[in-house]
């Protein structure tokens, strides 16, 4: 939570960081098991910072036609620059960011070309761009090491499964709109205790 709040503070008060000469990470990789709320955390970060939230799925970059993926990456980063300050979120980045080499037949694959364009675009951002790139994956082990180098996804933020208090809070949110005579507080606690 503290790591995410640093990005929120940067987007709310960029001049404060610029005046101090501080370097803000360009991006963060949200990792953790499936279903832990990585995407919701990214959306909440944008909401808390009160900035636009541009989202795309990693698989949307991959097409059968050569050149479509890199073109989509360029368009996405161009849109982010126009809407700055903002958060650019790439969900399931492992679809486009997996390790290069070995699988392509007769040269670079479209996935590798798309990954290369993503790396180039992230290198083109600087801390005064006021665009934070967040990405989510539950397969950090298959990501290309170039994505994790300084100046790209500088931070890895692990998002664990919620504990029993967290699950109770989640159930309360979803029980609120339901009409029932049961005590929603007790029901949320019981449901949280029954879930892993």
N, C-alpha and C. Protein backbone atom coordinates (compact mmCIF):
# COMPACT_ATOMS: atom_id res chain seq x y z
N UNK A 1 0.84 -1.20 0.00
CA UNK A 1 0.00 0.00 0.00
C UNK A 1 0.88 1.26 0.00
N UNK A 2 1.93 1.25 0.78
CA UNK A 2 2.82 2.42 0.86
C UNK A 2 3.49 2.65 -0.49
N UNK A 3 3.89 1.56 -1.15
CA UNK A 3 4.55 1.70 -2.45
C UNK A 3 3.61 2.32 -3.48
N UNK A 4 2.35 1.91 -3.47
CA UNK A 4 1.37 2.46 -4.40
C UNK A 4 1.09 3.93 -4.08
N UNK A 5 1.04 4.27 -2.80
CA UNK A 5 0.76 5.66 -2.41
C UNK A 5 1.85 6.62 -2.88
N UNK A 6 3.07 6.13 -3.06
CA UNK A 6 4.14 6.97 -3.60
C UNK A 6 3.79 7.43 -5.01
N UNK A 7 3.23 6.53 -5.81
CA UNK A 7 2.81 6.89 -7.17
C UNK A 7 1.65 7.88 -7.13
N UNK A 8 0.72 7.68 -6.22
CA UNK A 8 -0.41 8.59 -6.08
C UNK A 8 0.10 9.99 -5.74
N UNK A 9 1.00 10.07 -4.77
CA UNK A 9 1.55 11.36 -4.35
C UNK A 9 2.30 12.04 -5.50
N UNK A 10 3.04 11.25 -6.27
CA UNK A 10 3.76 11.82 -7.41
C UNK A 10 2.79 12.42 -8.43
N UNK A 11 1.71 11.70 -8.73
CA UNK A 11 0.75 12.19 -9.72
C UNK A 11 -0.02 13.41 -9.21
N UNK A 12 -0.25 13.47 -7.90
CA UNK A 12 -0.95 14.62 -7.32
C UNK A 12 -0.04 15.84 -7.19
N UNK A 13 1.23 15.62 -6.85
CA UNK A 13 2.17 16.71 -6.57
C UNK A 13 3.48 16.54 -7.32
N UNK A 14 3.47 16.51 -8.64
CA UNK A 14 4.72 16.26 -9.37
C UNK A 14 5.78 17.33 -9.15
N UNK A 15 5.34 18.57 -8.97
CA UNK A 15 6.31 19.66 -8.81
C UNK A 15 7.15 19.49 -7.54
N UNK A 16 6.55 18.94 -6.52
CA UNK A 16 7.26 18.69 -5.26
C UNK A 16 8.47 17.79 -5.52
N UNK A 17 8.30 16.76 -6.33
CA UNK A 17 9.39 15.83 -6.63
C UNK A 17 10.41 16.47 -7.56
N UNK A 18 9.93 17.24 -8.53
CA UNK A 18 10.83 17.91 -9.48
C UNK A 18 11.71 18.91 -8.73
N UNK A 19 11.11 19.68 -7.81
CA UNK A 19 11.87 20.66 -7.03
C UNK A 19 12.96 20.00 -6.19
N UNK A 20 12.69 18.81 -5.70
CA UNK A 20 13.67 18.09 -4.88
C UNK A 20 14.72 17.38 -5.73
N UNK A 21 14.46 17.28 -7.03
CA UNK A 21 15.37 16.55 -7.91
C UNK A 21 15.25 15.05 -7.75
N UNK A 22 14.13 14.61 -7.20
CA UNK A 22 13.91 13.18 -6.96
C UNK A 22 13.55 12.46 -8.25
N UNK A 23 14.00 11.23 -8.36
CA UNK A 23 13.64 10.40 -9.51
C UNK A 23 12.50 9.48 -9.09
N UNK A 24 11.43 9.58 -9.82
CA UNK A 24 10.27 8.74 -9.55
C UNK A 24 10.33 7.55 -10.49
N UNK A 25 10.01 6.36 -9.99
CA UNK A 25 9.99 5.21 -10.89
C UNK A 25 9.01 5.43 -12.03
N UNK A 26 9.38 4.99 -13.22
CA UNK A 26 8.49 5.15 -14.38
C UNK A 26 7.34 4.17 -14.32
N UNK A 27 7.60 3.03 -13.70
CA UNK A 27 6.56 2.02 -13.70
C UNK A 27 6.70 1.03 -12.57
N UNK A 28 5.62 0.31 -12.34
CA UNK A 28 5.61 -0.72 -11.32
C UNK A 28 4.88 -1.94 -11.87
N UNK A 29 5.39 -3.08 -11.50
CA UNK A 29 4.80 -4.35 -11.91
C UNK A 29 4.06 -4.93 -10.71
N UNK A 30 2.75 -5.10 -10.85
CA UNK A 30 1.94 -5.69 -9.79
C UNK A 30 1.94 -7.20 -10.02
N UNK A 31 2.45 -7.93 -9.05
CA UNK A 31 2.54 -9.39 -9.18
C UNK A 31 1.73 -10.05 -8.08
N UNK A 32 1.43 -11.31 -8.28
CA UNK A 32 0.70 -12.07 -7.27
C UNK A 32 -0.20 -13.09 -7.92
N UNK A 33 -0.78 -13.95 -7.11
CA UNK A 33 -1.64 -14.99 -7.66
C UNK A 33 -2.88 -14.41 -8.34
N UNK A 34 -3.53 -15.19 -9.21
CA UNK A 34 -4.74 -14.70 -9.88
C UNK A 34 -5.84 -14.36 -8.87
N UNK A 35 -6.61 -13.33 -9.19
CA UNK A 35 -7.78 -13.00 -8.38
C UNK A 35 -7.50 -12.23 -7.11
N UNK A 36 -6.33 -11.63 -6.98
CA UNK A 36 -6.01 -10.90 -5.75
C UNK A 36 -6.31 -9.42 -5.83
N UNK A 37 -6.76 -8.94 -6.99
CA UNK A 37 -7.16 -7.54 -7.10
C UNK A 37 -6.11 -6.61 -7.66
N UNK A 38 -5.21 -7.14 -8.47
CA UNK A 38 -4.16 -6.30 -9.06
C UNK A 38 -4.76 -5.22 -9.97
N UNK A 39 -5.73 -5.60 -10.79
CA UNK A 39 -6.37 -4.64 -11.69
C UNK A 39 -7.16 -3.60 -10.89
N UNK A 40 -7.88 -4.05 -9.88
CA UNK A 40 -8.64 -3.11 -9.05
C UNK A 40 -7.72 -2.15 -8.30
N UNK A 41 -6.56 -2.64 -7.88
CA UNK A 41 -5.59 -1.78 -7.20
C UNK A 41 -5.09 -0.69 -8.14
N UNK A 42 -4.84 -1.06 -9.40
CA UNK A 42 -4.39 -0.06 -10.38
C UNK A 42 -5.48 0.98 -10.63
N UNK A 43 -6.73 0.54 -10.75
CA UNK A 43 -7.85 1.47 -10.95
C UNK A 43 -8.02 2.39 -9.74
N UNK A 44 -7.90 1.81 -8.55
CA UNK A 44 -8.03 2.59 -7.33
C UNK A 44 -6.91 3.62 -7.22
N UNK A 45 -5.73 3.28 -7.69
CA UNK A 45 -4.60 4.22 -7.66
C UNK A 45 -4.92 5.43 -8.52
N UNK A 46 -5.45 5.19 -9.72
CA UNK A 46 -5.83 6.30 -10.61
C UNK A 46 -6.95 7.12 -9.98
N UNK A 47 -7.91 6.45 -9.36
CA UNK A 47 -9.01 7.16 -8.71
C UNK A 47 -8.52 8.01 -7.55
N UNK A 48 -7.63 7.47 -6.76
CA UNK A 48 -7.08 8.20 -5.61
C UNK A 48 -6.27 9.41 -6.06
N UNK A 49 -5.53 9.25 -7.17
CA UNK A 49 -4.72 10.35 -7.70
C UNK A 49 -5.56 11.32 -8.53
N UNK A 50 -6.79 10.90 -8.85
CA UNK A 50 -7.70 11.71 -9.67
C UNK A 50 -7.10 12.02 -11.05
N UNK A 51 -6.59 10.96 -11.69
CA UNK A 51 -6.01 11.09 -13.03
C UNK A 51 -6.67 10.07 -13.96
N UNK A 52 -6.60 10.30 -15.28
CA UNK A 52 -7.16 9.33 -16.22
C UNK A 52 -6.48 7.97 -16.09
N UNK A 53 -7.25 6.93 -16.38
CA UNK A 53 -6.78 5.55 -16.29
C UNK A 53 -6.94 4.93 -17.67
N UNK A 54 -5.82 4.68 -18.33
CA UNK A 54 -5.83 4.08 -19.66
C UNK A 54 -5.44 2.62 -19.48
N UNK A 55 -6.29 1.72 -19.92
CA UNK A 55 -6.03 0.31 -19.69
C UNK A 55 -6.05 -0.48 -20.99
N UNK A 56 -5.22 -1.49 -21.04
CA UNK A 56 -5.14 -2.38 -22.20
C UNK A 56 -4.69 -3.74 -21.70
N UNK A 57 -5.12 -4.78 -22.38
CA UNK A 57 -4.68 -6.13 -22.05
C UNK A 57 -3.50 -6.49 -22.94
N UNK A 58 -2.52 -7.17 -22.38
CA UNK A 58 -1.34 -7.55 -23.14
C UNK A 58 -1.66 -8.32 -24.40
N UNK A 59 -2.71 -9.14 -24.35
CA UNK A 59 -3.06 -9.95 -25.52
C UNK A 59 -3.62 -9.11 -26.67
N UNK A 60 -4.07 -7.89 -26.40
CA UNK A 60 -4.60 -7.02 -27.45
C UNK A 60 -3.53 -6.57 -28.44
N UNK A 61 -2.27 -6.66 -28.03
CA UNK A 61 -1.18 -6.25 -28.91
C UNK A 61 -0.82 -7.31 -29.94
N UNK A 62 -1.16 -8.54 -29.65
CA UNK A 62 -0.70 -9.64 -30.50
C UNK A 62 -1.73 -9.97 -31.57
N UNK A 63 -1.32 -9.82 -32.79
CA UNK A 63 -2.18 -10.11 -33.94
C UNK A 63 -1.42 -10.98 -34.92
N UNK A 64 -2.14 -11.51 -35.86
CA UNK A 64 -1.54 -12.32 -36.90
C UNK A 64 -0.77 -11.45 -37.90
N UNK A 65 -1.19 -10.21 -38.05
CA UNK A 65 -0.60 -9.34 -39.07
C UNK A 65 0.64 -8.64 -38.54
N UNK A 66 1.69 -8.68 -39.30
CA UNK A 66 2.97 -8.10 -38.90
C UNK A 66 2.83 -6.58 -38.78
N UNK A 67 3.35 -6.04 -37.69
CA UNK A 67 3.38 -4.60 -37.49
C UNK A 67 2.22 -4.03 -36.71
N UNK A 68 1.16 -4.82 -36.51
CA UNK A 68 -0.01 -4.31 -35.80
C UNK A 68 0.32 -4.09 -34.32
N UNK A 69 1.00 -5.04 -33.69
CA UNK A 69 1.34 -4.93 -32.27
C UNK A 69 2.18 -3.71 -31.95
N UNK A 70 3.32 -3.51 -32.65
CA UNK A 70 4.12 -2.32 -32.39
C UNK A 70 3.35 -1.02 -32.63
N UNK A 71 2.49 -1.01 -33.64
CA UNK A 71 1.69 0.18 -33.93
C UNK A 71 0.74 0.48 -32.77
N UNK A 72 0.12 -0.55 -32.22
CA UNK A 72 -0.79 -0.36 -31.08
C UNK A 72 -0.04 0.16 -29.85
N UNK A 73 1.18 -0.32 -29.65
CA UNK A 73 2.00 0.16 -28.53
C UNK A 73 2.28 1.65 -28.70
N UNK A 74 2.69 2.06 -29.91
CA UNK A 74 2.97 3.48 -30.18
C UNK A 74 1.73 4.33 -29.93
N UNK A 75 0.58 3.87 -30.43
CA UNK A 75 -0.68 4.61 -30.26
C UNK A 75 -1.05 4.75 -28.78
N UNK A 76 -0.87 3.67 -28.02
CA UNK A 76 -1.21 3.68 -26.60
C UNK A 76 -0.35 4.69 -25.84
N UNK A 77 0.94 4.69 -26.10
CA UNK A 77 1.84 5.61 -25.40
C UNK A 77 1.59 7.06 -25.84
N UNK A 78 1.24 7.25 -27.11
CA UNK A 78 0.92 8.59 -27.60
C UNK A 78 -0.32 9.12 -26.89
N UNK A 79 -1.33 8.27 -26.73
CA UNK A 79 -2.55 8.67 -26.03
C UNK A 79 -2.24 8.99 -24.57
N UNK A 80 -1.37 8.21 -23.94
CA UNK A 80 -1.01 8.47 -22.54
C UNK A 80 -0.33 9.83 -22.40
N UNK A 81 0.56 10.16 -23.32
CA UNK A 81 1.24 11.46 -23.26
C UNK A 81 0.24 12.62 -23.38
N UNK A 82 -0.77 12.43 -24.24
CA UNK A 82 -1.79 13.48 -24.44
C UNK A 82 -2.65 13.68 -23.20
N UNK A 83 -2.86 12.61 -22.43
CA UNK A 83 -3.74 12.68 -21.26
C UNK A 83 -2.96 12.84 -19.95
N UNK A 84 -1.67 13.09 -20.03
CA UNK A 84 -0.85 13.22 -18.82
C UNK A 84 -1.34 14.38 -17.96
N UNK A 85 -1.29 14.26 -16.65
CA UNK A 85 -0.83 13.10 -15.90
C UNK A 85 -1.87 11.99 -15.93
N UNK A 86 -1.40 10.76 -16.03
CA UNK A 86 -2.30 9.61 -16.09
C UNK A 86 -1.57 8.34 -15.70
N UNK A 87 -2.36 7.28 -15.58
CA UNK A 87 -1.81 5.95 -15.35
C UNK A 87 -2.13 5.12 -16.58
N UNK A 88 -1.11 4.51 -17.12
CA UNK A 88 -1.24 3.58 -18.24
C UNK A 88 -1.10 2.19 -17.65
N UNK A 89 -2.14 1.38 -17.78
CA UNK A 89 -2.15 0.05 -17.16
C UNK A 89 -2.19 -1.03 -18.22
N UNK A 90 -1.22 -1.95 -18.15
CA UNK A 90 -1.17 -3.09 -19.07
C UNK A 90 -1.45 -4.34 -18.26
N UNK A 91 -2.64 -4.89 -18.44
CA UNK A 91 -3.03 -6.10 -17.71
C UNK A 91 -2.48 -7.32 -18.45
N UNK A 92 -2.13 -8.33 -17.69
CA UNK A 92 -1.57 -9.58 -18.26
C UNK A 92 -0.42 -9.27 -19.21
N UNK A 93 0.55 -8.52 -18.73
CA UNK A 93 1.69 -8.12 -19.57
C UNK A 93 2.51 -9.31 -20.04
N UNK A 94 2.37 -10.45 -19.38
CA UNK A 94 3.14 -11.63 -19.80
C UNK A 94 2.78 -12.08 -21.21
N UNK A 95 1.60 -11.70 -21.72
CA UNK A 95 1.23 -12.07 -23.09
C UNK A 95 2.18 -11.44 -24.10
N UNK A 96 2.62 -10.22 -23.83
CA UNK A 96 3.51 -9.52 -24.76
C UNK A 96 4.94 -9.45 -24.22
N UNK A 97 5.11 -9.61 -22.92
CA UNK A 97 6.42 -9.40 -22.31
C UNK A 97 7.21 -10.65 -21.99
N UNK A 98 6.81 -11.77 -22.58
CA UNK A 98 7.55 -13.00 -22.25
C UNK A 98 8.93 -12.98 -22.87
N UNK A 99 9.80 -13.80 -22.31
CA UNK A 99 11.20 -13.85 -22.74
C UNK A 99 11.31 -14.06 -24.24
N UNK A 100 12.27 -13.35 -24.82
CA UNK A 100 12.50 -13.44 -26.26
C UNK A 100 13.42 -14.60 -26.58
N UNK A 101 13.31 -15.03 -27.87
CA UNK A 101 14.25 -16.02 -28.38
C UNK A 101 13.74 -17.44 -28.34
N UNK A 102 14.16 -18.20 -29.36
CA UNK A 102 13.92 -19.63 -29.36
C UNK A 102 12.63 -20.10 -30.00
N UNK A 103 11.55 -19.33 -29.94
CA UNK A 103 10.27 -19.83 -30.43
C UNK A 103 9.94 -19.40 -31.84
N UNK A 104 10.56 -18.33 -32.31
CA UNK A 104 10.17 -17.81 -33.62
C UNK A 104 10.80 -18.63 -34.73
N UNK A 105 10.15 -18.63 -35.87
CA UNK A 105 10.62 -19.40 -37.02
C UNK A 105 11.02 -18.43 -38.10
N UNK A 106 12.32 -18.38 -38.38
CA UNK A 106 12.79 -17.51 -39.46
C UNK A 106 12.86 -16.05 -39.08
N UNK A 107 13.27 -15.73 -37.88
CA UNK A 107 13.44 -14.32 -37.51
C UNK A 107 12.60 -13.95 -36.31
N UNK A 108 12.46 -12.64 -36.10
CA UNK A 108 11.71 -12.14 -34.95
C UNK A 108 10.22 -12.40 -35.12
N UNK A 109 9.59 -12.79 -34.05
CA UNK A 109 8.15 -12.98 -34.09
C UNK A 109 7.46 -11.63 -33.84
N UNK A 110 6.19 -11.59 -34.10
CA UNK A 110 5.40 -10.38 -33.86
C UNK A 110 5.44 -10.02 -32.37
N UNK A 111 5.42 -11.02 -31.51
CA UNK A 111 5.49 -10.77 -30.07
C UNK A 111 6.80 -10.08 -29.71
N UNK A 112 7.90 -10.53 -30.29
CA UNK A 112 9.20 -9.91 -30.00
C UNK A 112 9.26 -8.48 -30.52
N UNK A 113 8.72 -8.25 -31.70
CA UNK A 113 8.68 -6.88 -32.24
C UNK A 113 7.85 -5.96 -31.35
N UNK A 114 6.73 -6.49 -30.86
CA UNK A 114 5.86 -5.71 -29.99
C UNK A 114 6.56 -5.41 -28.66
N UNK A 115 7.23 -6.42 -28.10
CA UNK A 115 7.98 -6.21 -26.87
C UNK A 115 9.08 -5.18 -27.07
N UNK A 116 9.79 -5.27 -28.18
CA UNK A 116 10.85 -4.29 -28.47
C UNK A 116 10.28 -2.88 -28.52
N UNK A 117 9.11 -2.71 -29.14
CA UNK A 117 8.49 -1.38 -29.22
C UNK A 117 8.08 -0.89 -27.83
N UNK A 118 7.59 -1.80 -27.01
CA UNK A 118 7.22 -1.44 -25.63
C UNK A 118 8.45 -0.94 -24.87
N UNK A 119 9.57 -1.63 -25.03
CA UNK A 119 10.80 -1.22 -24.35
C UNK A 119 11.26 0.15 -24.84
N UNK A 120 11.18 0.39 -26.14
CA UNK A 120 11.57 1.68 -26.72
C UNK A 120 10.69 2.80 -26.17
N UNK A 121 9.38 2.56 -26.11
CA UNK A 121 8.46 3.59 -25.61
C UNK A 121 8.72 3.89 -24.13
N UNK A 122 8.98 2.86 -23.34
CA UNK A 122 9.24 3.10 -21.93
C UNK A 122 10.56 3.85 -21.73
N UNK A 123 11.53 3.60 -22.59
CA UNK A 123 12.79 4.34 -22.53
C UNK A 123 12.58 5.80 -22.89
N UNK A 124 11.57 6.08 -23.71
CA UNK A 124 11.29 7.45 -24.14
C UNK A 124 10.60 8.30 -23.10
N UNK A 125 10.03 7.64 -22.08
CA UNK A 125 9.39 8.39 -21.00
C UNK A 125 10.47 8.92 -20.06
N UNK A 126 10.21 10.07 -19.49
CA UNK A 126 11.09 10.55 -18.43
C UNK A 126 10.22 10.95 -17.25
N UNK A 127 10.84 11.30 -16.15
CA UNK A 127 10.06 11.56 -14.94
C UNK A 127 9.22 12.82 -15.02
N UNK A 128 9.46 13.67 -16.02
CA UNK A 128 8.63 14.87 -16.16
C UNK A 128 7.44 14.63 -17.09
N UNK A 129 7.32 13.44 -17.63
CA UNK A 129 6.21 13.11 -18.53
C UNK A 129 4.90 13.01 -17.75
N UNK A 130 4.98 12.71 -16.46
CA UNK A 130 3.80 12.56 -15.60
C UNK A 130 2.88 11.43 -16.06
N UNK A 131 3.47 10.38 -16.60
CA UNK A 131 2.73 9.17 -16.93
C UNK A 131 3.37 8.03 -16.16
N UNK A 132 2.57 7.34 -15.39
CA UNK A 132 3.04 6.18 -14.65
C UNK A 132 2.52 4.94 -15.36
N UNK A 133 3.41 4.01 -15.63
CA UNK A 133 3.02 2.76 -16.28
C UNK A 133 2.94 1.67 -15.22
N UNK A 134 1.76 1.12 -15.05
CA UNK A 134 1.56 -0.02 -14.16
C UNK A 134 1.22 -1.22 -15.03
N UNK A 135 1.67 -2.38 -14.61
CA UNK A 135 1.35 -3.60 -15.34
C UNK A 135 1.09 -4.70 -14.32
N UNK A 136 0.31 -5.69 -14.72
CA UNK A 136 -0.01 -6.79 -13.82
C UNK A 136 0.29 -8.12 -14.48
N UNK A 137 0.76 -9.05 -13.66
CA UNK A 137 1.01 -10.41 -14.13
C UNK A 137 0.99 -11.36 -12.94
N UNK A 138 0.63 -12.58 -13.20
CA UNK A 138 0.81 -13.62 -12.19
C UNK A 138 1.91 -14.58 -12.64
N UNK A 139 2.64 -14.19 -13.70
CA UNK A 139 3.73 -15.02 -14.25
C UNK A 139 5.01 -14.20 -14.41
N UNK A 140 5.49 -13.61 -13.35
CA UNK A 140 6.70 -12.78 -13.42
C UNK A 140 7.91 -13.60 -13.85
N UNK A 141 7.86 -14.91 -13.62
CA UNK A 141 8.98 -15.78 -13.96
C UNK A 141 9.23 -15.90 -15.46
N UNK A 142 8.23 -15.63 -16.30
CA UNK A 142 8.43 -15.76 -17.75
C UNK A 142 8.68 -14.43 -18.45
N UNK A 143 8.71 -13.33 -17.68
CA UNK A 143 8.92 -12.02 -18.29
C UNK A 143 10.36 -11.84 -18.76
N UNK A 144 10.51 -11.11 -19.84
CA UNK A 144 11.84 -10.77 -20.36
C UNK A 144 12.53 -9.87 -19.33
N UNK A 145 13.78 -10.16 -19.06
CA UNK A 145 14.54 -9.40 -18.05
C UNK A 145 14.66 -7.92 -18.40
N UNK A 146 14.60 -7.59 -19.69
CA UNK A 146 14.71 -6.19 -20.11
C UNK A 146 13.57 -5.34 -19.56
N UNK A 147 12.40 -5.94 -19.34
CA UNK A 147 11.27 -5.19 -18.78
C UNK A 147 11.53 -4.74 -17.34
N UNK A 148 12.36 -5.50 -16.63
CA UNK A 148 12.57 -5.25 -15.21
C UNK A 148 13.80 -4.40 -14.93
N UNK A 149 14.46 -3.93 -15.97
CA UNK A 149 15.65 -3.09 -15.79
C UNK A 149 15.25 -1.70 -15.29
N UNK A 150 16.20 -1.01 -14.63
CA UNK A 150 15.91 0.36 -14.17
C UNK A 150 15.47 1.25 -15.33
N UNK A 151 14.48 2.08 -15.06
CA UNK A 151 13.95 2.97 -16.08
C UNK A 151 12.73 2.39 -16.78
N UNK A 152 12.39 1.18 -16.45
CA UNK A 152 11.18 0.57 -17.02
C UNK A 152 10.26 0.23 -15.85
N UNK A 153 10.11 -1.05 -15.54
CA UNK A 153 9.34 -1.40 -14.35
C UNK A 153 10.32 -1.48 -13.18
N UNK A 154 10.57 -0.32 -12.58
CA UNK A 154 11.55 -0.22 -11.50
C UNK A 154 11.14 -0.98 -10.25
N UNK A 155 9.85 -1.07 -10.04
CA UNK A 155 9.35 -1.67 -8.81
C UNK A 155 8.51 -2.90 -9.12
N UNK A 156 8.62 -3.88 -8.23
CA UNK A 156 7.70 -5.01 -8.26
C UNK A 156 6.93 -4.97 -6.95
N UNK A 157 5.62 -4.90 -7.07
CA UNK A 157 4.76 -4.82 -5.89
C UNK A 157 3.94 -6.11 -5.83
N UNK A 158 4.19 -6.90 -4.79
CA UNK A 158 3.47 -8.16 -4.63
C UNK A 158 2.11 -7.89 -4.00
N UNK A 159 1.07 -8.40 -4.64
CA UNK A 159 -0.31 -8.24 -4.15
C UNK A 159 -0.77 -9.62 -3.67
N UNK A 160 -0.75 -9.84 -2.36
CA UNK A 160 -1.12 -11.16 -1.84
C UNK A 160 -2.64 -11.35 -1.81
N UNK A 161 -3.05 -12.58 -1.59
CA UNK A 161 -4.47 -12.85 -1.38
C UNK A 161 -4.89 -12.15 -0.10
N UNK A 162 -6.12 -11.64 -0.04
CA UNK A 162 -6.55 -10.93 1.17
C UNK A 162 -6.64 -11.86 2.38
N UNK A 163 -6.34 -11.31 3.55
CA UNK A 163 -6.48 -12.08 4.78
C UNK A 163 -7.96 -12.09 5.17
N UNK A 164 -8.27 -12.64 6.32
CA UNK A 164 -9.68 -12.78 6.70
C UNK A 164 -10.36 -11.42 6.86
N UNK A 165 -9.65 -10.42 7.39
CA UNK A 165 -10.23 -9.07 7.52
C UNK A 165 -10.49 -8.47 6.14
N UNK A 166 -9.56 -8.66 5.24
CA UNK A 166 -9.71 -8.15 3.88
C UNK A 166 -10.89 -8.79 3.17
N UNK A 167 -11.03 -10.12 3.34
CA UNK A 167 -12.15 -10.82 2.71
C UNK A 167 -13.48 -10.34 3.30
N UNK A 168 -13.52 -10.11 4.61
CA UNK A 168 -14.75 -9.61 5.24
C UNK A 168 -15.11 -8.24 4.67
N UNK A 169 -14.11 -7.39 4.49
CA UNK A 169 -14.37 -6.06 3.91
C UNK A 169 -14.91 -6.17 2.49
N UNK A 170 -14.35 -7.10 1.71
CA UNK A 170 -14.81 -7.31 0.33
C UNK A 170 -16.26 -7.78 0.33
N UNK A 171 -16.57 -8.74 1.19
CA UNK A 171 -17.95 -9.23 1.26
C UNK A 171 -18.91 -8.12 1.68
N UNK A 172 -18.49 -7.25 2.60
CA UNK A 172 -19.36 -6.15 3.03
C UNK A 172 -19.73 -5.24 1.86
N UNK A 173 -18.75 -4.96 1.03
CA UNK A 173 -19.01 -4.11 -0.14
C UNK A 173 -20.06 -4.75 -1.04
N UNK A 174 -19.93 -6.06 -1.25
CA UNK A 174 -20.86 -6.75 -2.16
C UNK A 174 -22.21 -7.05 -1.51
N UNK A 175 -22.26 -7.10 -0.20
CA UNK A 175 -23.52 -7.33 0.49
C UNK A 175 -24.34 -6.05 0.66
N UNK A 176 -23.70 -4.90 0.61
CA UNK A 176 -24.38 -3.62 0.86
C UNK A 176 -25.63 -3.42 0.02
N UNK A 177 -25.60 -3.65 -1.30
CA UNK A 177 -26.81 -3.39 -2.09
C UNK A 177 -27.92 -4.43 -1.91
N UNK A 178 -27.62 -5.56 -1.26
CA UNK A 178 -28.62 -6.62 -1.10
C UNK A 178 -29.58 -6.29 0.03
N UNK A 179 -30.86 -6.63 -0.20
CA UNK A 179 -31.87 -6.43 0.84
C UNK A 179 -32.03 -7.75 1.58
N UNK A 180 -31.73 -7.70 2.86
CA UNK A 180 -31.85 -8.89 3.69
C UNK A 180 -32.11 -8.49 5.13
N UNK A 181 -32.72 -9.39 5.87
CA UNK A 181 -32.95 -9.13 7.29
C UNK A 181 -31.78 -9.62 8.13
N UNK A 182 -30.86 -10.33 7.51
CA UNK A 182 -29.68 -10.83 8.22
C UNK A 182 -28.72 -9.68 8.52
N UNK A 183 -27.96 -9.85 9.58
CA UNK A 183 -26.94 -8.87 9.94
C UNK A 183 -25.78 -8.99 8.93
N UNK A 184 -25.61 -7.98 8.11
CA UNK A 184 -24.60 -8.03 7.04
C UNK A 184 -23.18 -8.10 7.58
N UNK A 185 -22.94 -7.48 8.70
CA UNK A 185 -21.61 -7.51 9.33
C UNK A 185 -21.24 -8.94 9.72
N UNK A 186 -22.17 -9.62 10.41
CA UNK A 186 -21.93 -11.01 10.82
C UNK A 186 -21.83 -11.93 9.61
N UNK A 187 -22.68 -11.71 8.63
CA UNK A 187 -22.67 -12.52 7.42
C UNK A 187 -21.34 -12.38 6.68
N UNK A 188 -20.83 -11.17 6.59
CA UNK A 188 -19.55 -10.93 5.92
C UNK A 188 -18.43 -11.66 6.64
N UNK A 189 -18.44 -11.62 7.99
CA UNK A 189 -17.40 -12.32 8.76
C UNK A 189 -17.49 -13.83 8.57
N UNK A 190 -18.70 -14.37 8.57
CA UNK A 190 -18.87 -15.82 8.39
C UNK A 190 -18.42 -16.26 7.00
N UNK A 191 -18.80 -15.48 5.99
CA UNK A 191 -18.41 -15.83 4.61
C UNK A 191 -16.89 -15.74 4.45
N UNK A 192 -16.27 -14.76 5.08
CA UNK A 192 -14.82 -14.60 5.00
C UNK A 192 -14.11 -15.79 5.64
N UNK A 193 -14.69 -16.30 6.73
CA UNK A 193 -14.08 -17.45 7.42
C UNK A 193 -14.19 -18.73 6.59
N UNK A 194 -15.19 -18.79 5.72
CA UNK A 194 -15.41 -20.00 4.91
C UNK A 194 -14.61 -20.01 3.60
N UNK A 195 -14.00 -18.89 3.26
CA UNK A 195 -13.26 -18.82 2.00
C UNK A 195 -11.76 -18.86 2.26
N UNK A 196 -11.02 -19.44 1.33
CA UNK A 196 -9.56 -19.55 1.54
C UNK A 196 -8.85 -18.23 1.32
